């Protein structure tokens, strides 16, 4: 196993061609598999002792596993906004979660990953949870770069009697109200496979945001009661089956060497749901918090012949980076007239260290405010929160951790390293000023 610590597309082709080894075969098909509330510790390849994920284990063995991969937010809507725009949600005027009664949705001036790839000639599809606006037509996927859509507009727990009936939507039309959720993982998987077969000789982008393992847990009939981990394990093992089906159809169609597949999660686990929620493994806390357990998630890249098999990537990266990376691989420039926070991590996929990126700060946003920053191994909290309601350090702030040595955020080093505290505090102030000065599409 190789360990990697932490260019425009034509540069990558030149470098790889000169070396005569692994090479990018051209602008790839792109598939993003995006779980809902899957924790860092919920896959066998990330240390879970009883949840069986052989397809994801194989995906990692044939590709690259990230150990410092982050979601753009610890909450559902904001994390999706970050993934599809490459921007911290605060820049877009979004900070947390939308509900069926929310008036806002993804802003029409955003340029989504799907819009960028469509401009590059890709066929585009989304099968799964959208959660970027109400069922108003302008907020749905087909008006935001996708050619096909089938899925739920919100989280699968936004149900009657607290909310209106949830719609299973195809395109812009409602197929069914309150669909049986045990069908969803298989339904999305089959639609994705059909789309891949249909467009296998073109370029395509498939975004598959699963409904699970967000509660309520509804495993398909073939998986219910199978996992020693209970219903939570059942739905994760069904997702693993889905991943196997996606990889198999790529191989059957003979296009696996032309396809980048990335698997990750929207945020950490819902730990206050006890056995119905997931595990952050060795990380502190879960979704909704800016502790590591809320935002550090599994990340696996698979692209045979391009990403070297068995690679372990230790350098930090995030879902915001997928935006810039996929556009670069497709030959598209980043959109003008706005800040993009993600960076092109093609070099990381090649196993190359990016020294400049190592020192680029990564910001952790909670609801309405910036709460923490990471730079290199150092993470500084200026605000903390927890879904459990616990204050782990009895009100002490700021808190400084060396995540390389202490990923569980157990040992505060703020008193021992005031120089690092000063540097990271300055990074936070610069970020706050930059976001405030730019404003959002929704106004300052």
Protein backbone atom coordinates (compact mmCIF):
# COMPACT_ATOMS: atom_id res chain seq x y z
CA UNK A 1 0.00 0.00 0.00
CA UNK A 2 1.31 3.44 -0.90
CA UNK A 3 0.81 6.43 1.36
CA UNK A 4 0.38 9.91 -0.09
CA UNK A 5 0.63 13.14 1.85
CA UNK A 6 -0.41 15.76 0.29
CA UNK A 7 -2.77 21.20 -13.23
CA UNK A 8 -4.84 21.74 -15.86
CA UNK A 9 -5.89 18.59 -17.65
CA UNK A 10 -3.42 18.86 -20.56
CA UNK A 11 -0.55 19.21 -18.05
CA UNK A 12 -1.62 15.97 -16.36
CA UNK A 13 -1.68 14.22 -19.72
CA UNK A 14 1.82 15.50 -20.50
CA UNK A 15 3.26 14.47 -17.15
CA UNK A 16 1.73 11.03 -17.27
CA UNK A 17 2.65 10.44 -20.89
CA UNK A 18 6.26 11.36 -20.17
CA UNK A 19 6.43 8.89 -17.30
CA UNK A 20 4.98 6.06 -19.35
CA UNK A 21 3.10 4.66 -16.34
CA UNK A 22 -0.42 5.44 -15.16
CA UNK A 23 -2.15 7.86 -17.52
CA UNK A 24 -5.46 9.68 -17.68
CA UNK A 25 -7.23 8.35 -20.79
CA UNK A 26 -9.14 11.58 -21.49
CA UNK A 27 -12.01 13.54 -19.94
CA UNK A 28 -13.69 10.86 -17.81
CA UNK A 29 -17.25 9.94 -17.07
CA UNK A 30 -17.95 11.03 -13.50
CA UNK A 31 -20.06 9.32 -10.85
CA UNK A 32 -20.50 10.73 -7.34
CA UNK A 33 -22.07 8.37 -4.79
CA UNK A 34 -23.24 10.47 -1.85
CA UNK A 35 -24.57 8.91 1.36
CA UNK A 36 -26.76 10.67 3.91
CA UNK A 37 -25.42 10.64 7.49
CA UNK A 38 -22.83 7.88 6.94
CA UNK A 39 -20.15 8.22 9.61
CA UNK A 40 -16.38 7.93 9.35
CA UNK A 41 -16.50 4.67 11.28
CA UNK A 42 -19.39 2.97 9.46
CA UNK A 43 -17.55 0.97 6.78
CA UNK A 44 -15.48 -2.14 7.34
CA UNK A 45 -12.61 -0.48 5.46
CA UNK A 46 -12.69 2.40 7.97
CA UNK A 47 -12.75 0.13 10.98
CA UNK A 48 -16.31 -1.03 11.62
CA UNK A 49 -16.19 -4.59 13.01
CA UNK A 50 -19.61 -5.88 11.92
CA UNK A 51 -20.93 -3.88 8.94
CA UNK A 52 -19.91 -5.82 5.82
CA UNK A 53 -18.94 -3.62 2.88
CA UNK A 54 -16.97 -5.88 0.50
CA UNK A 55 -17.67 -3.79 -2.60
CA UNK A 56 -16.48 -0.58 -0.97
CA UNK A 57 -13.47 -2.44 0.41
CA UNK A 58 -12.69 -3.61 -3.14
CA UNK A 59 -13.27 -0.12 -4.49
CA UNK A 60 -10.66 1.18 -2.03
CA UNK A 61 -8.28 -1.68 -2.82
CA UNK A 62 -8.56 -0.88 -6.54
CA UNK A 63 -8.42 2.88 -5.97
CA UNK A 64 -7.56 5.50 -3.35
CA UNK A 65 -8.86 5.80 0.21
CA UNK A 66 -8.79 9.26 1.82
CA UNK A 67 -8.33 9.47 5.59
CA UNK A 68 -8.75 13.25 5.88
CA UNK A 69 -11.74 13.86 3.63
CA UNK A 70 -14.34 16.47 4.63
CA UNK A 71 -17.88 17.42 3.78
CA UNK A 72 -18.53 21.09 3.07
CA UNK A 73 -20.90 21.28 6.04
CA UNK A 74 -22.20 19.10 8.89
CA UNK A 75 -25.80 19.56 7.66
CA UNK A 76 -27.83 18.18 4.75
CA UNK A 77 -28.73 21.18 2.58
CA UNK A 78 -25.51 23.09 3.12
CA UNK A 79 -23.33 20.06 2.35
CA UNK A 80 -25.13 19.53 -0.96
CA UNK A 81 -24.83 23.20 -1.83
CA UNK A 82 -21.08 22.98 -1.20
CA UNK A 83 -20.67 19.84 -3.32
CA UNK A 84 -22.55 21.17 -6.34
CA UNK A 85 -21.15 24.73 -6.27
CA UNK A 86 -17.64 24.28 -4.83
CA UNK A 87 -18.39 27.12 -2.41
CA UNK A 88 -18.71 27.31 1.34
CA UNK A 89 -22.46 27.64 1.92
CA UNK A 90 -22.02 30.96 3.73
CA UNK A 91 -20.93 32.50 0.43
CA UNK A 92 -24.19 31.39 -1.13
CA UNK A 93 -26.42 32.63 1.65
CA UNK A 94 -27.14 29.09 2.85
CA UNK A 95 -26.00 27.84 6.20
CA UNK A 96 -28.00 24.79 7.28
CA UNK A 97 -31.16 22.88 6.31
CA UNK A 98 -34.20 23.62 4.14
CA UNK A 99 -37.68 22.31 4.95
CA UNK A 100 -40.81 21.82 2.82
CA UNK A 101 -42.06 25.23 3.92
CA UNK A 102 -38.80 27.05 3.18
CA UNK A 103 -39.13 29.83 0.63
CA UNK A 104 -35.60 29.70 -0.72
CA UNK A 105 -33.72 27.21 -2.88
CA UNK A 106 -30.56 27.00 -4.92
CA UNK A 107 -30.02 30.43 -6.44
CA UNK A 108 -30.44 30.71 -10.24
CA UNK A 109 -27.08 32.50 -10.49
CA UNK A 110 -25.21 29.51 -9.08
CA UNK A 111 -23.34 27.50 -11.70
CA UNK A 112 -23.63 23.91 -10.59
CA UNK A 113 -21.27 21.07 -11.34
CA UNK A 114 -23.98 19.59 -13.56
CA UNK A 115 -24.26 22.84 -15.55
CA UNK A 116 -20.51 22.93 -16.04
CA UNK A 117 -20.31 19.32 -17.17
CA UNK A 118 -23.32 19.74 -19.43
CA UNK A 119 -21.55 22.62 -21.14
CA UNK A 120 -18.63 20.24 -21.70
CA UNK A 121 -20.97 17.85 -23.53
CA UNK A 122 -21.82 15.47 -20.70
CA UNK A 123 -25.21 13.80 -20.25
CA UNK A 124 -26.22 14.48 -16.64
CA UNK A 125 -28.50 12.74 -14.15
CA UNK A 126 -29.40 12.87 -10.47
CA UNK A 127 -31.09 9.91 -8.78
CA UNK A 128 -31.80 10.42 -5.09
CA UNK A 129 -32.20 13.07 -2.43
CA UNK A 130 -32.02 16.64 -3.77
CA UNK A 131 -32.71 18.91 -0.75
CA UNK A 132 -31.81 22.23 -2.40
CA UNK A 133 -35.19 23.89 -2.42
CA UNK A 134 -38.92 23.34 -2.40
CA UNK A 135 -40.82 21.53 -5.12
CA UNK A 136 -41.04 24.82 -7.04
CA UNK A 137 -39.88 24.08 -10.57
CA UNK A 138 -36.99 26.56 -10.56
CA UNK A 139 -35.35 24.79 -7.62
CA UNK A 140 -35.44 21.26 -9.03
CA UNK A 141 -32.53 19.45 -10.72
CA UNK A 142 -33.70 19.82 -14.33
CA UNK A 143 -33.49 23.60 -13.97
CA UNK A 144 -30.01 23.31 -12.48
CA UNK A 145 -28.05 21.34 -15.04
CA UNK A 146 -29.44 17.81 -14.92
CA UNK A 147 -31.02 16.07 -17.91
CA UNK A 148 -32.76 13.43 -15.78
CA UNK A 149 -33.96 13.32 -12.19
CA UNK A 150 -35.72 10.80 -9.99
CA UNK A 151 -35.84 11.20 -6.23
CA UNK A 152 -37.11 12.88 -3.08
CA UNK A 153 -36.86 16.67 -2.73
CA UNK A 154 -36.08 16.53 1.01
CA UNK A 155 -34.78 14.29 3.76
CA UNK A 156 -36.71 11.06 4.11
CA UNK A 157 -37.93 11.99 7.63
CA UNK A 158 -39.78 15.13 6.47
CA UNK A 159 -43.12 13.34 6.50
CA UNK A 160 -46.71 13.79 7.68
CA UNK A 161 -48.08 14.84 10.08
CA UNK A 162 -45.34 17.44 10.70
CA UNK A 163 -44.88 18.05 6.97
CA UNK A 164 -46.89 17.61 3.76
CA UNK A 165 -46.71 14.24 1.98
CA UNK A 166 -43.26 13.76 0.47
CA UNK A 167 -43.16 13.38 -3.31
CA UNK A 168 -41.18 10.95 -5.39
CA UNK A 169 -40.40 13.20 -8.35
CA UNK A 170 -39.38 12.28 -11.87
CA UNK A 171 -38.19 15.21 -13.91
CA UNK A 172 -40.49 18.00 -12.70
CA UNK A 173 -43.52 15.78 -12.05
CA UNK A 174 -44.74 13.89 -9.00
CA UNK A 175 -44.85 10.14 -9.55
CA UNK A 176 -46.06 9.14 -6.11
CA UNK A 177 -46.67 10.58 -2.64
CA UNK A 178 -45.11 8.97 0.43
CA UNK A 179 -43.44 6.15 -1.53
CA UNK A 180 -42.35 3.00 0.24
CA UNK A 181 -38.81 3.87 1.23
CA UNK A 182 -37.59 0.27 1.20
CA UNK A 183 -37.57 0.55 -2.61
CA UNK A 184 -35.42 3.69 -2.85
CA UNK A 185 -31.83 2.40 -2.81
CA UNK A 186 -32.58 -0.27 -5.41
CA UNK A 187 -34.69 2.12 -7.51
CA UNK A 188 -31.98 4.77 -7.66
CA UNK A 189 -29.36 2.13 -8.42
CA UNK A 190 -31.32 0.62 -11.31
CA UNK A 191 -32.02 4.04 -12.81
CA UNK A 192 -28.33 4.92 -12.57
CA UNK A 193 -27.37 1.66 -14.28
CA UNK A 194 -29.85 2.28 -17.09
CA UNK A 195 -28.49 5.80 -17.58
CA UNK A 196 -24.92 4.48 -17.73
CA UNK A 197 -25.88 1.89 -20.34
CA UNK A 198 -27.72 4.52 -22.39
CA UNK A 199 -24.84 7.00 -22.37
CA UNK A 200 -21.88 4.65 -22.08
CA UNK A 201 -20.46 5.72 -25.45
CA UNK A 202 -20.80 9.40 -24.58
CA UNK A 203 -19.55 11.38 -21.60
CA UNK A 204 -21.87 11.27 -18.60
CA UNK A 205 -22.20 12.53 -15.04
CA UNK A 206 -24.26 10.58 -12.51
CA UNK A 207 -24.95 12.07 -9.07
CA UNK A 208 -26.47 9.42 -6.82
CA UNK A 209 -27.33 10.90 -3.38
CA UNK A 210 -28.77 7.97 -1.42
CA UNK A 211 -31.64 8.52 1.04
CA UNK A 212 -29.90 6.25 3.55
CA UNK A 213 -28.60 5.77 6.19
CA UNK A 214 -30.58 8.85 7.32
CA UNK A 215 -33.44 7.81 9.59
CA UNK A 216 -36.06 6.43 9.19
CA UNK A 217 -34.14 3.32 8.14
CA UNK A 218 -35.80 1.31 5.39
CA UNK A 219 -33.63 -1.51 4.03
CA UNK A 220 -34.81 -3.30 0.93
CA UNK A 221 -36.43 -6.69 1.36
CA UNK A 222 -33.28 -8.55 0.30
CA UNK A 223 -31.25 -6.82 3.04
CA UNK A 224 -33.68 -6.46 5.95
CA UNK A 225 -32.55 -8.38 9.03
CA UNK A 226 -29.23 -9.48 7.53
CA UNK A 227 -26.67 -7.32 9.31
CA UNK A 228 -25.42 -7.97 12.86
CA UNK A 229 -25.53 -4.17 13.23
CA UNK A 230 -29.33 -4.16 12.87
CA UNK A 231 -31.34 -1.94 10.55
CA UNK A 232 -28.51 0.58 10.29
CA UNK A 233 -26.14 -2.12 9.12
CA UNK A 234 -28.80 -3.39 6.71
CA UNK A 235 -29.10 -0.08 4.86
CA UNK A 236 -25.33 0.43 4.73
CA UNK A 237 -24.86 -3.07 3.36
CA UNK A 238 -27.51 -2.31 0.73
CA UNK A 239 -25.58 0.80 -0.26
CA UNK A 240 -22.49 -1.39 -0.55
CA UNK A 241 -24.49 -3.67 -2.88
CA UNK A 242 -25.44 -0.59 -4.91
CA UNK A 243 -21.78 0.39 -5.25
CA UNK A 244 -20.99 -3.12 -6.49
CA UNK A 245 -23.77 -2.86 -9.07
CA UNK A 246 -22.46 0.48 -10.34
CA UNK A 247 -18.88 -0.81 -10.68
CA UNK A 248 -20.12 -3.98 -12.36
CA UNK A 249 -22.10 -2.16 -15.05
CA UNK A 250 -19.07 -0.01 -15.83
CA UNK A 251 -16.98 -3.13 -16.33
CA UNK A 252 -19.71 -4.86 -18.32
CA UNK A 253 -19.91 -1.84 -20.63
CA UNK A 254 -16.13 -1.74 -20.94
CA UNK A 255 -15.90 1.87 -19.72
CA UNK A 256 -14.37 1.46 -16.26
CA UNK A 257 -11.03 2.93 -17.41
CA UNK A 258 -12.87 6.01 -18.66
CA UNK A 259 -14.83 6.62 -15.45
CA UNK A 260 -13.99 8.33 -12.17
CA UNK A 261 -16.20 7.13 -9.30
CA UNK A 262 -16.09 8.95 -5.96
CA UNK A 263 -17.88 7.68 -2.84
CA UNK A 264 -18.45 9.84 0.23
CA UNK A 265 -21.07 11.18 2.69
CA UNK A 266 -22.86 14.48 3.21
CA UNK A 267 -21.86 14.75 6.88
CA UNK A 268 -21.16 12.65 9.94
CA UNK A 269 -23.53 10.28 11.78
CA UNK A 270 -26.66 11.08 13.76
CA UNK A 271 -25.22 9.79 17.01
CA UNK A 272 -28.10 10.84 19.27
CA UNK A 273 -30.31 8.28 17.48
CA UNK A 274 -28.49 5.53 19.37
CA UNK A 275 -28.49 2.25 17.42
CA UNK A 276 -30.47 3.87 14.59
CA UNK A 277 -27.59 6.28 13.99
CA UNK A 278 -24.06 5.63 12.82
CA UNK A 279 -20.54 5.87 14.17
CA UNK A 280 -17.79 8.44 13.77
CA UNK A 281 -15.22 5.86 14.82
CA UNK A 282 -12.30 7.49 16.63
CA UNK A 283 -13.62 11.01 15.88
CA UNK A 284 -15.50 13.23 18.30
CA UNK A 285 -19.26 13.89 17.96
CA UNK A 286 -21.37 13.72 14.78
CA UNK A 287 -23.60 15.56 12.30
CA UNK A 288 -24.53 19.11 13.13
CA UNK A 289 -21.20 19.75 14.84
CA UNK A 290 -17.87 21.05 13.61
CA UNK A 291 -15.96 18.50 15.65
CA UNK A 292 -14.21 16.03 13.36
CA UNK A 293 -17.03 13.50 13.67
CA UNK A 294 -19.43 16.00 12.13
CA UNK A 295 -17.47 16.74 8.97
CA UNK A 296 -14.71 14.19 8.37
CA UNK A 297 -16.25 11.39 6.29
CA UNK A 298 -15.22 8.40 4.19
CA UNK A 299 -13.80 9.27 0.78
CA UNK A 300 -12.90 6.69 -1.89
CA UNK A 301 -11.77 7.43 -5.46
CA UNK A 302 -11.84 4.71 -8.15
CA UNK A 303 -10.57 5.10 -11.70
CA UNK A 304 -8.74 2.01 -13.02
CA UNK A 305 -5.65 2.87 -15.02
CA UNK A 306 -5.55 6.42 -13.68
CA UNK A 307 -5.79 6.27 -9.88
CA UNK A 308 -3.22 3.79 -8.61
CA UNK A 309 -4.69 0.77 -6.82
CA UNK A 310 -4.25 0.50 -3.07
CA UNK A 311 -3.33 4.14 -2.49
CA UNK A 312 -3.92 5.71 0.92
CA UNK A 313 -4.26 9.50 0.73
CA UNK A 314 -3.44 11.27 3.98
CA UNK A 315 -3.59 14.85 2.70
CA UNK A 316 -6.81 16.76 3.49
CA UNK A 317 -9.41 17.25 0.76
CA UNK A 318 -13.15 17.93 0.67
CA UNK A 319 -16.34 17.70 -1.32
CA UNK A 320 -15.81 21.31 -2.41
CA UNK A 321 -12.71 20.06 -4.24
CA UNK A 322 -14.76 17.60 -6.29
CA UNK A 323 -16.37 20.58 -8.04
CA UNK A 324 -13.10 22.12 -9.21
CA UNK A 325 -11.55 18.74 -9.97
CA UNK A 326 -14.40 17.42 -12.11
CA UNK A 327 -14.65 20.66 -14.08
CA UNK A 328 -10.88 20.62 -14.70
CA UNK A 329 -10.96 17.01 -15.86
CA UNK A 330 -13.79 17.91 -18.25
CA UNK A 331 -11.80 20.84 -19.63
CA UNK A 332 -14.03 23.52 -18.12
CA UNK A 333 -12.89 26.74 -16.46
CA UNK A 334 -14.24 27.71 -13.05
CA UNK A 335 -17.12 30.20 -13.24
CA UNK A 336 -16.19 33.88 -13.24
CA UNK A 337 -17.63 36.51 -10.97
CA UNK A 338 -17.65 34.51 -7.74
CA UNK A 339 -15.30 32.87 -5.27
CA UNK A 340 -14.83 29.12 -5.53
CA UNK A 341 -13.40 27.53 -2.39
CA UNK A 342 -12.67 24.08 -3.76
CA UNK A 343 -9.39 23.29 -5.51
CA UNK A 344 -8.42 20.86 -8.24
CA UNK A 345 -7.15 17.71 -6.50
CA UNK A 346 -6.20 15.83 -9.66
CA UNK A 347 -2.66 15.80 -8.34
CA UNK A 348 -3.80 13.97 -5.21
CA UNK A 349 -5.52 11.35 -7.34
CA UNK A 350 -2.14 10.88 -9.03
CA UNK A 351 -0.46 10.41 -5.66
CA UNK A 352 1.42 13.70 -5.83
CA UNK A 353 1.98 15.96 -2.85
CA UNK A 354 0.62 19.49 -3.12
CA UNK A 355 2.69 21.53 -0.69
CA UNK A 356 0.75 24.75 -1.31
CA UNK A 357 -2.57 23.04 -0.70
CA UNK A 358 -1.31 21.61 2.57
CA UNK A 359 -1.09 25.13 3.93
CA UNK A 360 -4.43 26.27 2.52
CA UNK A 361 -6.88 26.69 5.42
CA UNK A 362 -10.09 24.68 5.51
CA UNK A 363 -13.03 26.28 7.31
CA UNK A 364 -15.73 24.57 9.37
CA UNK A 365 -19.08 26.37 9.33
CA UNK A 366 -21.89 25.68 11.76
CA UNK A 367 -25.29 27.35 11.49
CA UNK A 368 -24.80 31.02 10.61
CA UNK A 369 -21.18 31.24 11.74
CA UNK A 370 -17.62 30.09 11.16
CA UNK A 371 -16.66 27.86 14.07
CA UNK A 372 -13.24 26.35 13.32
CA UNK A 373 -10.34 26.23 10.87
CA UNK A 374 -7.77 23.60 9.89
CA UNK A 375 -4.36 24.42 8.40
CA UNK A 376 -1.91 21.60 7.95
CA UNK A 377 -2.30 19.37 11.01
CA UNK A 378 -3.60 22.19 13.22
CA UNK A 379 -7.26 22.82 13.99
CA UNK A 380 -8.57 25.76 16.01
CA UNK A 381 -12.10 25.96 17.42
CA UNK A 382 -13.46 29.41 18.28
CA UNK A 383 -17.03 28.14 18.75
CA UNK A 384 -18.14 24.60 19.58
CA UNK A 385 -21.46 22.81 19.50
CA UNK A 386 -22.69 19.25 19.78
CA UNK A 387 -25.84 17.40 18.83
CA UNK A 388 -25.60 15.75 22.24
CA UNK A 389 -25.70 19.12 24.03
CA UNK A 390 -22.37 18.37 25.71
CA UNK A 391 -19.65 20.94 26.26
CA UNK A 392 -16.59 18.74 26.19
CA UNK A 393 -14.16 21.37 27.50
CA UNK A 394 -16.38 23.21 29.98
CA UNK A 395 -16.62 26.45 28.02
CA UNK A 396 -12.90 26.84 27.32
CA UNK A 397 -12.12 28.59 24.01
CA UNK A 398 -10.23 28.75 21.79
CA UNK A 399 -9.21 25.10 21.51
CA UNK A 400 -6.23 23.92 19.47
CA UNK A 401 -5.58 20.35 18.32
CA UNK A 402 -2.91 18.64 16.27
CA UNK A 403 -5.09 16.34 14.16
CA UNK A 404 -2.19 14.24 12.91
CA UNK A 405 -1.36 13.22 16.46
CA UNK A 406 -4.82 13.61 17.98
CA UNK A 407 -7.67 13.05 15.48
CA UNK A 408 -10.06 12.51 18.39
CA UNK A 409 -9.53 16.12 19.57
CA UNK A 410 -8.71 15.12 23.12
CA UNK A 411 -5.70 17.29 24.01
CA UNK A 412 -5.97 21.05 23.82
CA UNK A 413 -2.61 22.65 22.91
CA UNK A 414 -3.70 26.30 22.83
CA UNK A 415 -1.61 27.25 25.87
CA UNK A 416 1.48 25.45 24.55
CA UNK A 417 1.31 26.89 21.02
CA UNK A 418 0.08 30.51 21.15
CA UNK A 419 1.89 31.16 17.85
CA UNK A 420 -0.35 28.65 16.05
CA UNK A 421 -3.43 30.13 17.74
CA UNK A 422 -2.54 33.61 16.51
CA UNK A 423 -1.97 32.38 12.96
CA UNK A 424 -5.26 30.50 12.80
CA UNK A 425 -7.21 33.32 14.39
CA UNK A 426 -5.87 35.58 11.64
CA UNK A 427 -7.05 33.07 9.01
CA UNK A 428 -10.54 33.09 10.52
CA UNK A 429 -10.69 36.89 10.51
CA UNK A 430 -9.53 37.04 6.88
CA UNK A 431 -12.20 34.54 5.88
CA UNK A 432 -14.94 36.42 7.70
CA UNK A 433 -13.96 39.69 6.02
CA UNK A 434 -13.76 38.12 2.58
CA UNK A 435 -17.20 36.53 2.83
CA UNK A 436 -18.76 39.70 4.25
CA UNK A 437 -17.22 41.88 1.53
CA UNK A 438 -18.30 39.58 -1.31
CA UNK A 439 -21.81 39.10 0.00
CA UNK A 440 -24.09 36.41 -1.38
CA UNK A 441 -26.45 36.18 -4.32
CA UNK A 442 -29.20 36.74 -1.77
CA UNK A 443 -27.70 40.03 -0.63
CA UNK A 444 -25.40 41.01 2.19
